[in-house]
Amino acid sequence: MLPLRVCLILLVVFAAYVCAQTCFDLAYDCPGKLGLCYNQMYKKLMTKMCNASCAYCKPTP
């Protein structure tokens, strides 16, 4: 049986993988911040928080 720590790490990795494969916004105010989508200072944050609104991904039907 795997130790609890290993199980938790695997769960986090799996959750990150699933989130990376889906296209949605984590923040509620993304439509109001579209001007930041291509600002180099905010691109990393916007990719994480406003993935769908910034059109960094394609939503699955």
C-alpha atoms as a PDB file:
ATOM      1  CA  MET A   1       0.000   0.000   0.000  1.00  0.00           C
ATOM      2  CA  LEU A   2       1.230   3.500  -0.868  1.00  0.00           C
ATOM      3  CA  PRO A   3       2.039   5.905   1.945  1.00  0.00           C
ATOM      4  CA  LEU A   4      -0.433   8.742   2.481  1.00  0.00           C
ATOM      5  CA  ARG A   5       2.080  11.358   1.344  1.00  0.00           C
ATOM      6  CA  VAL A   6       2.563   9.643  -2.016  1.00  0.00           C
ATOM      7  CA  CYS A   7      -1.204   9.330  -2.480  1.00  0.00           C
ATOM      8  CA  LEU A   8      -1.675  13.037  -1.800  1.00  0.00           C
ATOM      9  CA  ILE A   9       1.050  13.984  -4.262  1.00  0.00           C
ATOM     10  CA  LEU A  10      -0.510  11.794  -6.932  1.00  0.00           C
ATOM     11  CA  LEU A  11      -3.920  13.332  -6.257  1.00  0.00           C
ATOM     12  CA  VAL A  12      -2.542  16.871  -6.632  1.00  0.00           C
ATOM     13  CA  VAL A  13      -0.755  15.968  -9.876  1.00  0.00           C
ATOM     14  CA  PHE A  14      -3.908  14.384 -11.256  1.00  0.00           C
ATOM     15  CA  ALA A  15      -6.038  17.395 -10.282  1.00  0.00           C
ATOM     16  CA  ALA A  16      -3.552  19.774 -11.923  1.00  0.00           C
ATOM     17  CA  TYR A  17      -3.614  17.671 -15.089  1.00  0.00           C
ATOM     18  CA  VAL A  18      -7.410  17.677 -15.225  1.00  0.00           C
ATOM     19  CA  CYS A  19      -7.573  21.437 -14.658  1.00  0.00           C
ATOM     20  CA  ALA A  20      -4.986  22.025 -17.364  1.00  0.00           C
ATOM     21  CA  GLN A  21      -7.109  20.056 -19.831  1.00  0.00           C
ATOM     22  CA  THR A  22     -10.288  22.045 -19.219  1.00  0.00           C
ATOM     23  CA  CYS A  23     -11.157  25.511 -20.390  1.00  0.00           C
ATOM     24  CA  PHE A  24     -12.767  27.735 -17.779  1.00  0.00           C
ATOM     25  CA  ASP A  25     -12.174  30.865 -15.720  1.00  0.00           C
ATOM     26  CA  LEU A  26     -11.244  30.615 -12.060  1.00  0.00           C
ATOM     27  CA  ALA A  27     -12.005  34.279 -11.342  1.00  0.00           C
ATOM     28  CA  TYR A  28     -15.470  35.833 -11.530  1.00  0.00           C
ATOM     29  CA  ASP A  29     -14.292  39.178 -12.912  1.00  0.00           C
ATOM     30  CA  CYS A  30     -12.431  38.008 -16.017  1.00  0.00           C
ATOM     31  CA  PRO A  31     -14.728  39.718 -18.558  1.00  0.00           C
ATOM     32  CA  GLY A  32     -13.869  43.050 -16.982  1.00  0.00           C
ATOM     33  CA  LYS A  33     -10.129  42.425 -17.176  1.00  0.00           C
ATOM     34  CA  LEU A  34      -9.752  41.392 -20.812  1.00  0.00           C
ATOM     35  CA  GLY A  35      -7.295  44.219 -21.382  1.00  0.00           C
ATOM     36  CA  LEU A  36      -4.779  42.354 -19.224  1.00  0.00           C
ATOM     37  CA  CYS A  37      -4.862  39.166 -21.312  1.00  0.00           C
ATOM     38  CA  TYR A  38      -1.951  40.175 -23.520  1.00  0.00           C
ATOM     39  CA  ASN A  39      -0.107  42.416 -21.097  1.00  0.00           C
ATOM     40  CA  GLN A  40       3.235  40.672 -20.519  1.00  0.00           C
ATOM     41  CA  MET A  41       3.196  41.593 -16.809  1.00  0.00           C
ATOM     42  CA  TYR A  42      -0.131  39.792 -16.293  1.00  0.00           C
ATOM     43  CA  LYS A  43      -0.082  37.022 -18.903  1.00  0.00           C
ATOM     44  CA  LYS A  44       0.943  34.252 -16.495  1.00  0.00           C
ATOM     45  CA  LEU A  45      -1.737  35.245 -13.978  1.00  0.00           C
ATOM     46  CA  MET A  46      -4.392  35.686 -16.649  1.00  0.00           C
ATOM     47  CA  THR A  47      -3.540  32.321 -18.184  1.00  0.00           C
ATOM     48  CA  LYS A  48      -4.208  30.703 -14.835  1.00  0.00           C
ATOM     49  CA  MET A  49      -7.230  32.718 -13.711  1.00  0.00           C
ATOM     50  CA  CYS A  50      -8.989  33.726 -16.965  1.00  0.00           C
ATOM     51  CA  ASN A  51      -8.068  30.978 -19.396  1.00  0.00           C
ATOM     52  CA  ALA A  52     -11.434  30.903 -21.200  1.00  0.00           C
ATOM     53  CA  SER A  53     -12.144  34.640 -21.311  1.00  0.00           C
ATOM     54  CA  CYS A  54      -8.692  35.389 -22.706  1.00  0.00           C
ATOM     55  CA  ALA A  55      -9.181  32.643 -25.334  1.00  0.00           C
ATOM     56  CA  TYR A  56      -5.977  30.853 -24.323  1.00  0.00           C
ATOM     57  CA  CYS A  57      -7.863  27.574 -24.679  1.00  0.00           C
ATOM     58  CA  LYS A  58     -10.793  26.220 -26.645  1.00  0.00           C
ATOM     59  CA  PRO A  59     -13.882  25.240 -24.654  1.00  0.00           C
ATOM     60  CA  THR A  60     -15.127  21.741 -25.274  1.00  0.00           C
ATOM     61  CA  PRO A  61     -18.775  21.560 -26.361  1.00  0.00           C
END
